[in-house]
N, C-alpha and C. Protein backbone atom coordinates (compact mmCIF):
# COMPACT_ATOMS: atom_id res chain seq x y z
N MET A 1 0.84 -1.20 0.00
CA MET A 1 0.00 0.00 0.00
C MET A 1 0.87 1.25 0.00
N SER A 2 0.37 2.31 -0.58
CA SER A 2 1.11 3.57 -0.63
C SER A 2 1.02 4.28 0.71
N ILE A 3 1.86 5.28 0.88
CA ILE A 3 1.81 6.09 2.10
C ILE A 3 0.44 6.75 2.24
N ALA A 4 -0.11 7.24 1.14
CA ALA A 4 -1.43 7.87 1.18
C ALA A 4 -2.50 6.87 1.62
N GLU A 5 -2.44 5.65 1.10
CA GLU A 5 -3.40 4.62 1.49
C GLU A 5 -3.25 4.25 2.96
N ASN A 6 -2.00 4.18 3.42
CA ASN A 6 -1.75 3.87 4.83
C ASN A 6 -2.30 4.97 5.75
N ILE A 7 -2.10 6.22 5.36
CA ILE A 7 -2.64 7.33 6.15
C ILE A 7 -4.16 7.26 6.20
N ALA A 8 -4.78 6.93 5.06
CA ALA A 8 -6.24 6.80 5.04
C ALA A 8 -6.71 5.71 5.99
N GLN A 9 -5.97 4.60 6.04
CA GLN A 9 -6.33 3.51 6.95
C GLN A 9 -6.16 3.92 8.41
N VAL A 10 -5.06 4.62 8.71
CA VAL A 10 -4.84 5.10 10.07
C VAL A 10 -5.94 6.08 10.47
N ARG A 11 -6.31 6.94 9.56
CA ARG A 11 -7.41 7.89 9.84
C ARG A 11 -8.71 7.14 10.14
N ALA A 12 -8.97 6.10 9.38
CA ALA A 12 -10.18 5.31 9.61
C ALA A 12 -10.14 4.65 10.99
N ASN A 13 -8.97 4.15 11.38
CA ASN A 13 -8.82 3.54 12.70
C ASN A 13 -8.98 4.58 13.81
N ILE A 14 -8.45 5.77 13.59
CA ILE A 14 -8.62 6.85 14.56
C ILE A 14 -10.10 7.18 14.72
N ALA A 15 -10.81 7.26 13.61
CA ALA A 15 -12.25 7.55 13.66
C ALA A 15 -13.00 6.47 14.43
N GLN A 16 -12.60 5.23 14.24
CA GLN A 16 -13.24 4.12 14.95
C GLN A 16 -13.01 4.24 16.45
N ALA A 17 -11.76 4.50 16.85
CA ALA A 17 -11.44 4.63 18.27
C ALA A 17 -12.18 5.81 18.89
N CYS A 18 -12.28 6.89 18.13
CA CYS A 18 -13.01 8.06 18.63
C CYS A 18 -14.50 7.76 18.79
N ALA A 19 -15.07 7.05 17.83
CA ALA A 19 -16.49 6.72 17.89
C ALA A 19 -16.80 5.86 19.12
N GLN A 20 -15.87 5.01 19.47
CA GLN A 20 -16.08 4.12 20.63
C GLN A 20 -16.05 4.88 21.95
N THR A 21 -15.48 6.07 21.95
CA THR A 21 -15.35 6.83 23.19
C THR A 21 -16.07 8.18 23.13
N GLY A 22 -16.90 8.37 22.11
CA GLY A 22 -17.68 9.60 22.01
C GLY A 22 -16.85 10.83 21.71
N ARG A 23 -15.76 10.64 21.00
CA ARG A 23 -14.89 11.75 20.65
C ARG A 23 -14.96 12.02 19.15
N SER A 24 -14.43 13.17 18.74
CA SER A 24 -14.35 13.51 17.33
C SER A 24 -12.94 13.27 16.81
N PRO A 25 -12.79 12.70 15.61
CA PRO A 25 -11.46 12.53 15.02
C PRO A 25 -10.70 13.85 14.87
N GLU A 26 -11.44 14.94 14.81
CA GLU A 26 -10.80 16.24 14.68
C GLU A 26 -9.99 16.62 15.93
N GLU A 27 -10.26 15.91 17.04
CA GLU A 27 -9.50 16.15 18.26
C GLU A 27 -8.10 15.56 18.21
N ILE A 28 -7.82 14.69 17.24
CA ILE A 28 -6.59 13.92 17.21
C ILE A 28 -5.62 14.48 16.16
N THR A 29 -4.41 14.77 16.59
CA THR A 29 -3.34 15.18 15.68
C THR A 29 -2.53 13.95 15.31
N LEU A 30 -2.43 13.68 14.01
CA LEU A 30 -1.67 12.53 13.52
C LEU A 30 -0.26 12.99 13.12
N VAL A 31 0.72 12.51 13.87
CA VAL A 31 2.12 12.83 13.59
C VAL A 31 2.76 11.64 12.89
N GLY A 32 3.28 11.85 11.72
CA GLY A 32 3.99 10.79 11.00
C GLY A 32 5.43 10.72 11.48
N ALA A 33 5.77 9.62 12.14
CA ALA A 33 7.14 9.44 12.65
C ALA A 33 8.02 9.00 11.49
N SER A 34 8.75 9.94 10.92
CA SER A 34 9.41 9.72 9.63
C SER A 34 10.87 9.32 9.75
N LYS A 35 11.28 8.82 10.91
CA LYS A 35 12.65 8.34 11.10
C LYS A 35 13.01 7.31 10.05
N MET A 36 14.19 7.49 9.46
CA MET A 36 14.74 6.57 8.47
C MET A 36 13.93 6.52 7.18
N ASN A 37 13.12 7.55 6.95
CA ASN A 37 12.42 7.70 5.67
C ASN A 37 12.91 8.98 5.00
N ASP A 38 13.05 8.93 3.68
CA ASP A 38 13.69 10.03 2.97
C ASP A 38 12.74 11.21 2.75
N ALA A 39 13.30 12.26 2.15
CA ALA A 39 12.52 13.48 1.92
C ALA A 39 11.31 13.21 1.04
N ALA A 40 11.47 12.31 0.07
CA ALA A 40 10.35 12.01 -0.83
C ALA A 40 9.19 11.39 -0.06
N ALA A 41 9.50 10.52 0.89
CA ALA A 41 8.44 9.91 1.71
C ALA A 41 7.74 10.96 2.56
N CYS A 42 8.52 11.90 3.09
CA CYS A 42 7.93 12.98 3.88
C CYS A 42 6.98 13.82 3.02
N ARG A 43 7.42 14.13 1.81
CA ARG A 43 6.58 14.93 0.92
C ARG A 43 5.31 14.18 0.54
N GLU A 44 5.41 12.87 0.37
CA GLU A 44 4.24 12.06 0.04
C GLU A 44 3.23 12.09 1.19
N ALA A 45 3.74 12.01 2.42
CA ALA A 45 2.85 12.05 3.59
C ALA A 45 2.18 13.42 3.71
N ILE A 46 2.93 14.47 3.45
CA ILE A 46 2.37 15.83 3.51
C ILE A 46 1.29 16.00 2.44
N ALA A 47 1.55 15.49 1.24
CA ALA A 47 0.57 15.59 0.16
C ALA A 47 -0.70 14.82 0.51
N ALA A 48 -0.57 13.77 1.33
CA ALA A 48 -1.72 12.96 1.72
C ALA A 48 -2.43 13.52 2.95
N GLY A 49 -1.96 14.65 3.45
CA GLY A 49 -2.68 15.33 4.51
C GLY A 49 -2.26 15.02 5.93
N ILE A 50 -1.03 14.53 6.10
CA ILE A 50 -0.55 14.29 7.47
C ILE A 50 -0.59 15.60 8.26
N ASP A 51 -0.90 15.52 9.55
CA ASP A 51 -1.02 16.75 10.35
C ASP A 51 0.34 17.34 10.70
N ALA A 52 1.32 16.46 10.94
CA ALA A 52 2.68 16.90 11.30
C ALA A 52 3.62 15.74 11.04
N LEU A 53 4.91 16.04 10.95
CA LEU A 53 5.92 15.01 10.86
C LEU A 53 6.80 15.09 12.10
N GLY A 54 7.30 13.93 12.54
CA GLY A 54 8.13 13.89 13.73
C GLY A 54 9.43 13.17 13.47
N GLU A 55 10.52 13.77 13.90
CA GLU A 55 11.84 13.16 13.72
C GLU A 55 12.46 12.80 15.07
N ASN A 56 13.23 11.71 15.07
CA ASN A 56 13.89 11.23 16.28
C ASN A 56 15.36 11.62 16.37
N ARG A 57 15.97 11.89 15.24
CA ARG A 57 17.42 12.10 15.20
C ARG A 57 17.75 13.47 14.63
N VAL A 58 18.59 14.21 15.36
CA VAL A 58 18.91 15.58 14.96
C VAL A 58 19.62 15.61 13.62
N GLN A 59 20.59 14.73 13.41
CA GLN A 59 21.35 14.75 12.16
C GLN A 59 20.45 14.48 10.96
N GLU A 60 19.58 13.51 11.10
CA GLU A 60 18.66 13.19 10.00
C GLU A 60 17.69 14.34 9.75
N MET A 61 17.19 14.93 10.83
CA MET A 61 16.27 16.06 10.71
C MET A 61 16.95 17.23 10.00
N THR A 62 18.18 17.52 10.37
CA THR A 62 18.90 18.65 9.77
C THR A 62 19.11 18.44 8.28
N ALA A 63 19.46 17.21 7.90
CA ALA A 63 19.67 16.91 6.48
C ALA A 63 18.38 17.06 5.69
N LYS A 64 17.28 16.61 6.25
CA LYS A 64 16.01 16.70 5.53
C LYS A 64 15.46 18.13 5.52
N LEU A 65 15.77 18.90 6.56
CA LEU A 65 15.41 20.32 6.52
C LEU A 65 16.11 21.01 5.36
N ALA A 66 17.37 20.68 5.15
CA ALA A 66 18.13 21.28 4.05
C ALA A 66 17.54 20.90 2.69
N ASP A 67 16.84 19.77 2.67
CA ASP A 67 16.20 19.29 1.43
C ASP A 67 14.74 19.72 1.35
N ASN A 68 14.31 20.60 2.27
CA ASN A 68 12.93 21.11 2.29
C ASN A 68 11.90 19.98 2.37
N ALA A 69 12.25 18.94 3.12
CA ALA A 69 11.39 17.76 3.19
C ALA A 69 10.07 18.01 3.91
N TYR A 70 10.06 19.01 4.80
CA TYR A 70 8.89 19.20 5.66
C TYR A 70 8.00 20.37 5.23
N ASP A 71 8.29 20.95 4.09
CA ASP A 71 7.51 22.10 3.64
C ASP A 71 6.03 21.72 3.54
N GLY A 72 5.18 22.48 4.23
CA GLY A 72 3.76 22.23 4.15
C GLY A 72 3.17 21.54 5.36
N ALA A 73 4.00 21.19 6.34
CA ALA A 73 3.49 20.55 7.56
C ALA A 73 4.37 20.95 8.74
N PRO A 74 3.81 21.05 9.94
CA PRO A 74 4.63 21.32 11.11
C PRO A 74 5.60 20.17 11.37
N LEU A 75 6.76 20.51 11.92
CA LEU A 75 7.77 19.51 12.26
C LEU A 75 7.89 19.42 13.77
N HIS A 76 7.88 18.20 14.29
CA HIS A 76 8.08 17.96 15.71
C HIS A 76 9.36 17.16 15.91
N PHE A 77 10.02 17.40 17.04
CA PHE A 77 11.12 16.52 17.42
C PHE A 77 10.59 15.59 18.49
N ILE A 78 10.69 14.27 18.24
CA ILE A 78 10.03 13.31 19.12
C ILE A 78 11.00 12.32 19.77
N GLY A 79 12.29 12.44 19.48
CA GLY A 79 13.26 11.50 20.04
C GLY A 79 14.02 12.07 21.22
N HIS A 80 14.93 11.26 21.74
CA HIS A 80 15.77 11.72 22.85
C HIS A 80 16.66 12.85 22.37
N LEU A 81 16.63 13.96 23.07
CA LEU A 81 17.39 15.14 22.67
C LEU A 81 18.52 15.39 23.66
N GLN A 82 19.74 15.37 23.14
CA GLN A 82 20.91 15.66 23.97
C GLN A 82 21.07 17.17 24.11
N ARG A 83 21.56 17.58 25.27
CA ARG A 83 21.68 19.02 25.53
C ARG A 83 22.59 19.71 24.52
N ASN A 84 23.63 19.02 24.06
CA ASN A 84 24.57 19.66 23.12
C ASN A 84 24.01 19.80 21.71
N LYS A 85 22.80 19.27 21.49
CA LYS A 85 22.17 19.40 20.17
C LYS A 85 20.92 20.27 20.20
N VAL A 86 20.64 20.86 21.35
CA VAL A 86 19.44 21.69 21.49
C VAL A 86 19.45 22.85 20.51
N LYS A 87 20.62 23.45 20.30
CA LYS A 87 20.70 24.61 19.42
C LYS A 87 20.36 24.28 17.98
N GLN A 88 20.45 23.01 17.61
CA GLN A 88 20.09 22.59 16.26
C GLN A 88 18.60 22.32 16.10
N VAL A 89 17.87 22.33 17.22
CA VAL A 89 16.46 21.98 17.19
C VAL A 89 15.56 23.16 17.54
N VAL A 90 15.94 23.94 18.54
CA VAL A 90 15.12 25.08 18.96
C VAL A 90 14.92 26.05 17.79
N GLY A 91 13.70 26.42 17.56
CA GLY A 91 13.39 27.34 16.48
C GLY A 91 13.25 26.68 15.12
N LYS A 92 13.68 25.42 15.02
CA LYS A 92 13.55 24.67 13.76
C LYS A 92 12.29 23.82 13.75
N VAL A 93 11.74 23.55 14.94
CA VAL A 93 10.57 22.67 15.03
C VAL A 93 9.43 23.41 15.72
N ALA A 94 8.22 23.00 15.38
CA ALA A 94 7.06 23.60 16.02
C ALA A 94 6.89 23.12 17.45
N LEU A 95 7.37 21.88 17.73
CA LEU A 95 7.15 21.29 19.04
C LEU A 95 8.27 20.30 19.35
N ILE A 96 8.86 20.43 20.53
CA ILE A 96 9.77 19.41 21.04
C ILE A 96 8.98 18.55 22.01
N GLN A 97 8.74 17.30 21.63
CA GLN A 97 7.84 16.46 22.43
C GLN A 97 8.55 15.75 23.58
N SER A 98 9.86 15.75 23.57
CA SER A 98 10.60 14.82 24.44
C SER A 98 11.47 15.54 25.46
N VAL A 99 10.90 16.48 26.19
CA VAL A 99 11.66 17.19 27.23
C VAL A 99 11.47 16.43 28.54
N GLY A 100 12.53 15.73 28.94
CA GLY A 100 12.40 14.82 30.05
C GLY A 100 13.34 15.05 31.22
N SER A 101 13.97 16.22 31.28
CA SER A 101 14.82 16.53 32.42
C SER A 101 14.86 18.03 32.65
N THR A 102 15.13 18.42 33.88
CA THR A 102 15.24 19.84 34.21
C THR A 102 16.40 20.47 33.45
N GLU A 103 17.50 19.72 33.31
CA GLU A 103 18.68 20.24 32.60
C GLU A 103 18.36 20.53 31.14
N LEU A 104 17.60 19.64 30.50
CA LEU A 104 17.21 19.87 29.11
C LEU A 104 16.26 21.06 29.01
N LEU A 105 15.35 21.17 29.95
CA LEU A 105 14.42 22.30 29.99
C LEU A 105 15.18 23.61 30.07
N GLU A 106 16.18 23.66 30.93
CA GLU A 106 16.96 24.89 31.12
C GLU A 106 17.79 25.21 29.88
N GLU A 107 18.31 24.18 29.21
CA GLU A 107 19.11 24.41 28.01
C GLU A 107 18.22 24.95 26.88
N ILE A 108 17.01 24.43 26.75
CA ILE A 108 16.08 24.93 25.74
C ILE A 108 15.75 26.39 26.02
N GLU A 109 15.52 26.73 27.28
CA GLU A 109 15.27 28.12 27.66
C GLU A 109 16.45 29.01 27.26
N LYS A 110 17.65 28.55 27.54
CA LYS A 110 18.86 29.33 27.24
C LYS A 110 18.99 29.60 25.74
N VAL A 111 18.81 28.56 24.94
CA VAL A 111 18.96 28.70 23.49
C VAL A 111 17.81 29.53 22.91
N ALA A 112 16.60 29.29 23.39
CA ALA A 112 15.45 30.04 22.89
C ALA A 112 15.58 31.53 23.22
N ALA A 113 16.13 31.83 24.40
CA ALA A 113 16.34 33.23 24.77
C ALA A 113 17.32 33.90 23.80
N LYS A 114 18.38 33.20 23.45
CA LYS A 114 19.35 33.74 22.49
C LYS A 114 18.72 33.98 21.13
N GLU A 115 17.79 33.09 20.77
CA GLU A 115 17.13 33.19 19.47
C GLU A 115 15.94 34.16 19.52
N GLN A 116 15.63 34.64 20.72
CA GLN A 116 14.51 35.58 20.93
C GLN A 116 13.19 34.98 20.44
N LEU A 117 12.93 33.76 20.88
CA LEU A 117 11.68 33.10 20.52
C LEU A 117 11.18 32.28 21.71
N VAL A 118 9.95 31.82 21.59
CA VAL A 118 9.36 30.93 22.59
C VAL A 118 9.19 29.56 21.96
N GLN A 119 9.81 28.56 22.57
CA GLN A 119 9.75 27.20 22.03
C GLN A 119 8.66 26.39 22.72
N ASP A 120 7.75 25.85 21.93
CA ASP A 120 6.71 24.97 22.45
C ASP A 120 7.29 23.59 22.74
N ILE A 121 6.89 23.03 23.88
CA ILE A 121 7.41 21.72 24.29
C ILE A 121 6.30 20.87 24.90
N LEU A 122 6.58 19.57 24.99
CA LEU A 122 5.82 18.66 25.83
C LEU A 122 6.78 18.11 26.88
N LEU A 123 6.27 17.86 28.07
CA LEU A 123 7.06 17.22 29.11
C LEU A 123 6.89 15.71 28.96
N GLU A 124 8.00 15.01 28.86
CA GLU A 124 7.95 13.56 28.70
C GLU A 124 7.87 12.88 30.06
N VAL A 125 6.92 11.97 30.19
CA VAL A 125 6.72 11.24 31.43
C VAL A 125 7.27 9.82 31.28
N ASN A 126 8.20 9.45 32.12
CA ASN A 126 8.72 8.07 32.15
C ASN A 126 7.77 7.24 33.00
N ILE A 127 6.66 6.89 32.40
CA ILE A 127 5.56 6.30 33.18
C ILE A 127 5.91 4.93 33.73
N GLY A 128 6.81 4.22 33.07
CA GLY A 128 7.22 2.91 33.57
C GLY A 128 8.39 2.97 34.53
N ARG A 129 8.85 4.20 34.82
CA ARG A 129 9.99 4.41 35.73
C ARG A 129 11.18 3.54 35.32
N GLU A 130 11.47 3.53 34.01
CA GLU A 130 12.56 2.72 33.48
C GLU A 130 13.89 3.47 33.62
N GLU A 131 14.87 2.80 34.19
CA GLU A 131 16.16 3.44 34.44
C GLU A 131 16.87 3.85 33.16
N ALA A 132 16.69 3.09 32.10
CA ALA A 132 17.40 3.35 30.85
C ALA A 132 16.68 4.34 29.95
N LYS A 133 15.53 4.83 30.38
CA LYS A 133 14.74 5.73 29.53
C LYS A 133 14.69 7.12 30.15
N SER A 134 14.74 8.13 29.27
CA SER A 134 14.62 9.50 29.74
C SER A 134 13.17 9.82 30.07
N GLY A 135 12.95 10.97 30.67
CA GLY A 135 11.60 11.38 31.04
C GLY A 135 11.50 11.63 32.52
N PHE A 136 10.54 12.47 32.89
CA PHE A 136 10.32 12.77 34.30
C PHE A 136 9.58 11.62 34.98
N ASP A 137 9.99 11.30 36.18
CA ASP A 137 9.23 10.37 37.00
C ASP A 137 7.82 10.94 37.17
N PRO A 138 6.80 10.10 37.16
CA PRO A 138 5.43 10.62 37.32
C PRO A 138 5.27 11.52 38.54
N ASP A 139 5.99 11.24 39.61
CA ASP A 139 5.88 12.05 40.82
C ASP A 139 6.56 13.40 40.68
N ALA A 140 7.37 13.57 39.62
CA ALA A 140 8.14 14.80 39.45
C ALA A 140 7.58 15.70 38.35
N VAL A 141 6.54 15.25 37.66
CA VAL A 141 6.05 16.01 36.51
C VAL A 141 5.45 17.35 36.92
N THR A 142 4.72 17.37 38.00
CA THR A 142 4.11 18.63 38.43
C THR A 142 5.17 19.67 38.75
N ALA A 143 6.22 19.26 39.45
CA ALA A 143 7.31 20.19 39.77
C ALA A 143 8.00 20.66 38.50
N ALA A 144 8.17 19.78 37.53
CA ALA A 144 8.78 20.16 36.25
C ALA A 144 7.91 21.18 35.51
N ALA A 145 6.61 20.97 35.56
CA ALA A 145 5.69 21.92 34.92
C ALA A 145 5.76 23.28 35.60
N GLU A 146 5.85 23.27 36.91
CA GLU A 146 5.97 24.54 37.65
C GLU A 146 7.26 25.25 37.28
N ALA A 147 8.36 24.49 37.15
CA ALA A 147 9.64 25.08 36.76
C ALA A 147 9.55 25.68 35.36
N ALA A 148 8.88 24.97 34.46
CA ALA A 148 8.74 25.46 33.09
C ALA A 148 7.93 26.74 33.02
N LEU A 149 6.93 26.85 33.89
CA LEU A 149 6.11 28.06 33.90
C LEU A 149 6.93 29.31 34.23
N ALA A 150 8.04 29.12 34.92
CA ALA A 150 8.88 30.26 35.29
C ALA A 150 9.86 30.64 34.18
N LEU A 151 9.88 29.89 33.09
CA LEU A 151 10.82 30.14 32.00
C LEU A 151 10.11 30.91 30.88
N PRO A 152 10.54 32.13 30.58
CA PRO A 152 9.80 32.96 29.63
C PRO A 152 9.91 32.53 28.17
N HIS A 153 10.90 31.69 27.84
CA HIS A 153 11.09 31.32 26.44
C HIS A 153 10.72 29.86 26.16
N VAL A 154 10.01 29.26 27.10
CA VAL A 154 9.51 27.89 26.94
C VAL A 154 8.02 27.89 27.22
N ARG A 155 7.26 27.18 26.39
CA ARG A 155 5.81 27.10 26.61
C ARG A 155 5.39 25.64 26.61
N VAL A 156 4.91 25.17 27.75
CA VAL A 156 4.43 23.79 27.86
C VAL A 156 3.07 23.67 27.19
N ARG A 157 2.96 22.70 26.29
CA ARG A 157 1.69 22.47 25.60
C ARG A 157 1.00 21.18 26.05
N GLY A 158 1.70 20.37 26.85
CA GLY A 158 1.10 19.13 27.32
C GLY A 158 2.14 18.12 27.73
N LEU A 159 1.73 16.85 27.70
CA LEU A 159 2.59 15.74 28.11
C LEU A 159 2.75 14.73 26.98
N MET A 160 3.84 13.97 27.08
CA MET A 160 4.11 12.88 26.14
C MET A 160 4.60 11.68 26.94
N THR A 161 4.30 10.47 26.45
CA THR A 161 4.83 9.27 27.11
C THR A 161 5.01 8.15 26.12
N ILE A 162 5.91 7.22 26.50
CA ILE A 162 6.11 5.97 25.78
C ILE A 162 6.13 4.86 26.84
N PRO A 163 5.10 4.03 26.91
CA PRO A 163 5.11 2.95 27.89
C PRO A 163 6.25 1.96 27.62
N PRO A 164 6.60 1.15 28.61
CA PRO A 164 7.64 0.13 28.40
C PRO A 164 7.31 -0.76 27.21
N ALA A 165 8.34 -1.08 26.44
CA ALA A 165 8.14 -1.86 25.22
C ALA A 165 7.61 -3.26 25.50
N ASP A 166 7.91 -3.78 26.68
CA ASP A 166 7.51 -5.16 26.98
C ASP A 166 6.16 -5.25 27.71
N ALA A 167 5.48 -4.12 27.85
CA ALA A 167 4.18 -4.12 28.54
C ALA A 167 3.13 -4.82 27.69
N ASP A 168 2.29 -5.64 28.34
CA ASP A 168 1.18 -6.23 27.60
C ASP A 168 0.07 -5.19 27.45
N ARG A 169 -0.98 -5.54 26.73
CA ARG A 169 -2.00 -4.55 26.42
C ARG A 169 -2.65 -3.97 27.67
N ASP A 170 -2.97 -4.83 28.64
CA ASP A 170 -3.61 -4.33 29.86
C ASP A 170 -2.72 -3.34 30.59
N ALA A 171 -1.43 -3.67 30.70
CA ALA A 171 -0.48 -2.77 31.36
C ALA A 171 -0.34 -1.47 30.58
N ASN A 172 -0.28 -1.61 29.27
CA ASN A 172 -0.17 -0.43 28.42
C ASN A 172 -1.34 0.52 28.65
N MET A 173 -2.53 -0.03 28.69
CA MET A 173 -3.72 0.79 28.92
C MET A 173 -3.64 1.49 30.28
N ARG A 174 -3.17 0.78 31.29
CA ARG A 174 -3.03 1.40 32.62
C ARG A 174 -2.04 2.54 32.58
N TYR A 175 -0.93 2.34 31.86
CA TYR A 175 0.05 3.42 31.74
C TYR A 175 -0.57 4.65 31.06
N PHE A 176 -1.29 4.41 29.97
CA PHE A 176 -1.95 5.52 29.28
C PHE A 176 -2.93 6.25 30.21
N GLN A 177 -3.68 5.48 30.96
CA GLN A 177 -4.67 6.07 31.87
C GLN A 177 -3.98 6.88 32.98
N GLU A 178 -2.84 6.40 33.45
CA GLU A 178 -2.11 7.13 34.49
C GLU A 178 -1.60 8.47 33.97
N VAL A 179 -1.08 8.47 32.75
CA VAL A 179 -0.58 9.73 32.18
C VAL A 179 -1.73 10.67 31.88
N GLN A 180 -2.85 10.12 31.43
CA GLN A 180 -4.01 10.98 31.18
C GLN A 180 -4.47 11.64 32.48
N ALA A 181 -4.44 10.90 33.58
CA ALA A 181 -4.83 11.48 34.87
C ALA A 181 -3.85 12.57 35.30
N LEU A 182 -2.55 12.34 35.07
CA LEU A 182 -1.55 13.36 35.36
C LEU A 182 -1.80 14.62 34.53
N TYR A 183 -2.10 14.41 33.27
CA TYR A 183 -2.36 15.51 32.34
C TYR A 183 -3.54 16.36 32.82
N VAL A 184 -4.63 15.70 33.19
CA VAL A 184 -5.81 16.42 33.67
C VAL A 184 -5.49 17.19 34.94
N ASP A 185 -4.76 16.56 35.85
CA ASP A 185 -4.42 17.19 37.12
C ASP A 185 -3.55 18.43 36.92
N ILE A 186 -2.50 18.28 36.12
CA ILE A 186 -1.60 19.41 35.87
C ILE A 186 -2.32 20.52 35.10
N ASN A 187 -3.12 20.11 34.14
CA ASN A 187 -3.86 21.09 33.34
C ASN A 187 -4.78 21.92 34.21
N THR A 188 -5.45 21.27 35.14
CA THR A 188 -6.39 21.96 36.03
C THR A 188 -5.67 22.85 37.04
N LYS A 189 -4.62 22.32 37.65
CA LYS A 189 -3.95 23.03 38.75
C LYS A 189 -3.04 24.16 38.28
N LEU A 190 -2.40 23.97 37.13
CA LEU A 190 -1.35 24.91 36.73
C LEU A 190 -1.64 25.69 35.45
N PHE A 191 -2.46 25.15 34.56
CA PHE A 191 -2.57 25.73 33.22
C PHE A 191 -3.98 26.19 32.86
N HIS A 192 -4.85 26.29 33.84
CA HIS A 192 -6.21 26.80 33.60
C HIS A 192 -6.91 26.03 32.48
N ASN A 193 -6.58 24.75 32.36
CA ASN A 193 -7.17 23.87 31.34
C ASN A 193 -6.90 24.33 29.91
N GLU A 194 -5.75 24.99 29.73
CA GLU A 194 -5.39 25.48 28.40
C GLU A 194 -4.49 24.51 27.62
N LEU A 195 -3.99 23.47 28.29
CA LEU A 195 -3.17 22.49 27.58
C LEU A 195 -4.05 21.69 26.61
N LYS A 196 -3.48 21.36 25.45
CA LYS A 196 -4.25 20.65 24.43
C LYS A 196 -3.58 19.37 23.95
N CYS A 197 -2.33 19.13 24.34
CA CYS A 197 -1.56 18.02 23.76
C CYS A 197 -1.28 16.92 24.77
N LEU A 198 -1.83 15.76 24.51
CA LEU A 198 -1.48 14.55 25.24
C LEU A 198 -1.02 13.54 24.20
N SER A 199 0.29 13.44 24.06
CA SER A 199 0.90 12.65 22.99
C SER A 199 1.19 11.24 23.51
N MET A 200 0.36 10.29 23.09
CA MET A 200 0.50 8.90 23.51
C MET A 200 0.11 7.99 22.35
N GLY A 201 0.82 6.90 22.20
CA GLY A 201 0.45 5.91 21.21
C GLY A 201 1.29 5.97 19.96
N MET A 202 1.69 4.78 19.51
CA MET A 202 2.46 4.63 18.28
C MET A 202 1.77 3.59 17.40
N SER A 203 2.46 3.06 16.41
CA SER A 203 1.80 2.21 15.42
C SER A 203 1.04 1.04 16.03
N GLY A 204 1.58 0.44 17.08
CA GLY A 204 0.96 -0.74 17.63
C GLY A 204 -0.14 -0.50 18.64
N ASP A 205 -0.27 0.74 19.11
CA ASP A 205 -1.22 0.96 20.21
C ASP A 205 -1.94 2.30 20.16
N TYR A 206 -1.92 2.97 19.01
CA TYR A 206 -2.49 4.32 18.97
C TYR A 206 -4.00 4.33 19.18
N MET A 207 -4.68 3.25 18.79
CA MET A 207 -6.13 3.22 19.02
C MET A 207 -6.44 3.12 20.51
N ASP A 208 -5.68 2.30 21.23
CA ASP A 208 -5.86 2.22 22.67
C ASP A 208 -5.51 3.56 23.33
N ALA A 209 -4.46 4.21 22.85
CA ALA A 209 -4.08 5.51 23.42
C ALA A 209 -5.21 6.52 23.26
N ILE A 210 -5.85 6.52 22.10
CA ILE A 210 -6.98 7.43 21.86
C ILE A 210 -8.13 7.09 22.80
N ARG A 211 -8.39 5.81 22.97
CA ARG A 211 -9.45 5.40 23.90
C ARG A 211 -9.16 5.87 25.33
N CYS A 212 -7.87 6.08 25.63
CA CYS A 212 -7.47 6.53 26.97
C CYS A 212 -7.26 8.04 27.04
N GLY A 213 -7.60 8.77 25.98
CA GLY A 213 -7.57 10.22 26.05
C GLY A 213 -6.49 10.93 25.27
N ALA A 214 -5.66 10.21 24.52
CA ALA A 214 -4.62 10.87 23.72
C ALA A 214 -5.24 11.87 22.75
N THR A 215 -4.58 12.99 22.56
CA THR A 215 -4.99 13.96 21.54
C THR A 215 -4.00 14.00 20.39
N MET A 216 -2.88 13.27 20.54
CA MET A 216 -1.84 13.25 19.52
C MET A 216 -1.22 11.85 19.50
N VAL A 217 -1.06 11.29 18.31
CA VAL A 217 -0.44 9.98 18.18
C VAL A 217 0.73 10.06 17.22
N ARG A 218 1.76 9.26 17.47
CA ARG A 218 2.99 9.28 16.68
C ARG A 218 3.09 7.95 15.93
N VAL A 219 2.81 7.95 14.66
CA VAL A 219 2.68 6.71 13.90
C VAL A 219 3.75 6.66 12.81
N GLY A 220 4.58 5.61 12.88
CA GLY A 220 5.67 5.47 11.91
C GLY A 220 5.45 4.34 10.94
N THR A 221 5.67 3.10 11.38
CA THR A 221 5.64 1.96 10.46
C THR A 221 4.26 1.74 9.83
N ALA A 222 3.20 2.07 10.54
CA ALA A 222 1.85 1.89 9.96
C ALA A 222 1.60 2.86 8.82
N ILE A 223 2.43 3.90 8.72
CA ILE A 223 2.32 4.85 7.62
C ILE A 223 3.41 4.62 6.57
N PHE A 224 4.66 4.51 7.04
CA PHE A 224 5.79 4.47 6.12
C PHE A 224 6.30 3.06 5.81
N GLY A 225 5.79 2.06 6.52
CA GLY A 225 6.29 0.71 6.34
C GLY A 225 7.42 0.39 7.31
N ALA A 226 7.83 -0.86 7.32
CA ALA A 226 8.88 -1.30 8.26
C ALA A 226 10.19 -0.59 7.94
N ARG A 227 10.89 -0.20 9.00
CA ARG A 227 12.19 0.45 8.84
C ARG A 227 13.29 -0.59 8.65
N ASN A 228 14.26 -0.24 7.81
CA ASN A 228 15.41 -1.12 7.59
C ASN A 228 16.57 -0.63 8.45
N TYR A 229 16.78 -1.28 9.57
CA TYR A 229 17.81 -0.85 10.51
C TYR A 229 19.21 -1.32 10.09
N ASN A 230 19.28 -2.03 8.98
CA ASN A 230 20.59 -2.52 8.50
C ASN A 230 21.25 -1.56 7.53
N ILE A 231 20.55 -0.46 7.22
CA ILE A 231 21.11 0.52 6.27
C ILE A 231 22.30 1.22 6.94
């Protein structure tokens, strides 16, 4: 199937998940996770109406930016971001989804201040409390949001999470529900219910994520096909 056909199928699945929970598909932002896909694939997804594209790797993103791969759609950074690469991302993307430490938050503020802009971000929640994964501990997310509110060049738009890869479906759903509860709590207490982004769910579980309240899903292989990691 073509990228356009895959996007149509994902949209149909999103509509189904929304119908099951009394939501509108218009509430869901579909982000095409375009890691390891070339500029032509990005352009094909944009032509097919993808809402945004998301990149995991700074070097790959920079190369495709130079090739105008993302013209016509917002670009998000969705992978682990090292502090020494923040200057290559701030101001280049509409949203950094993966802000998972106070140090990274402060570095984004520093770079954004130099660029005289406000960078939109999501706070990443390490919902499985995995030692090898970045992200704020669920118990630390509120404090991180409070710290971000004090930074004039950073704007929190919501939360993002990736459940443990080995979680079964029931556990995955619980993780999604826990992050959704955190999102509602923080939104009510700190942001006057103005947050709009709850980024949860990838190719294998985006329908469940939507059923649990996600407003944004990051879909890669279901749109672009299986990645070749041997390249």
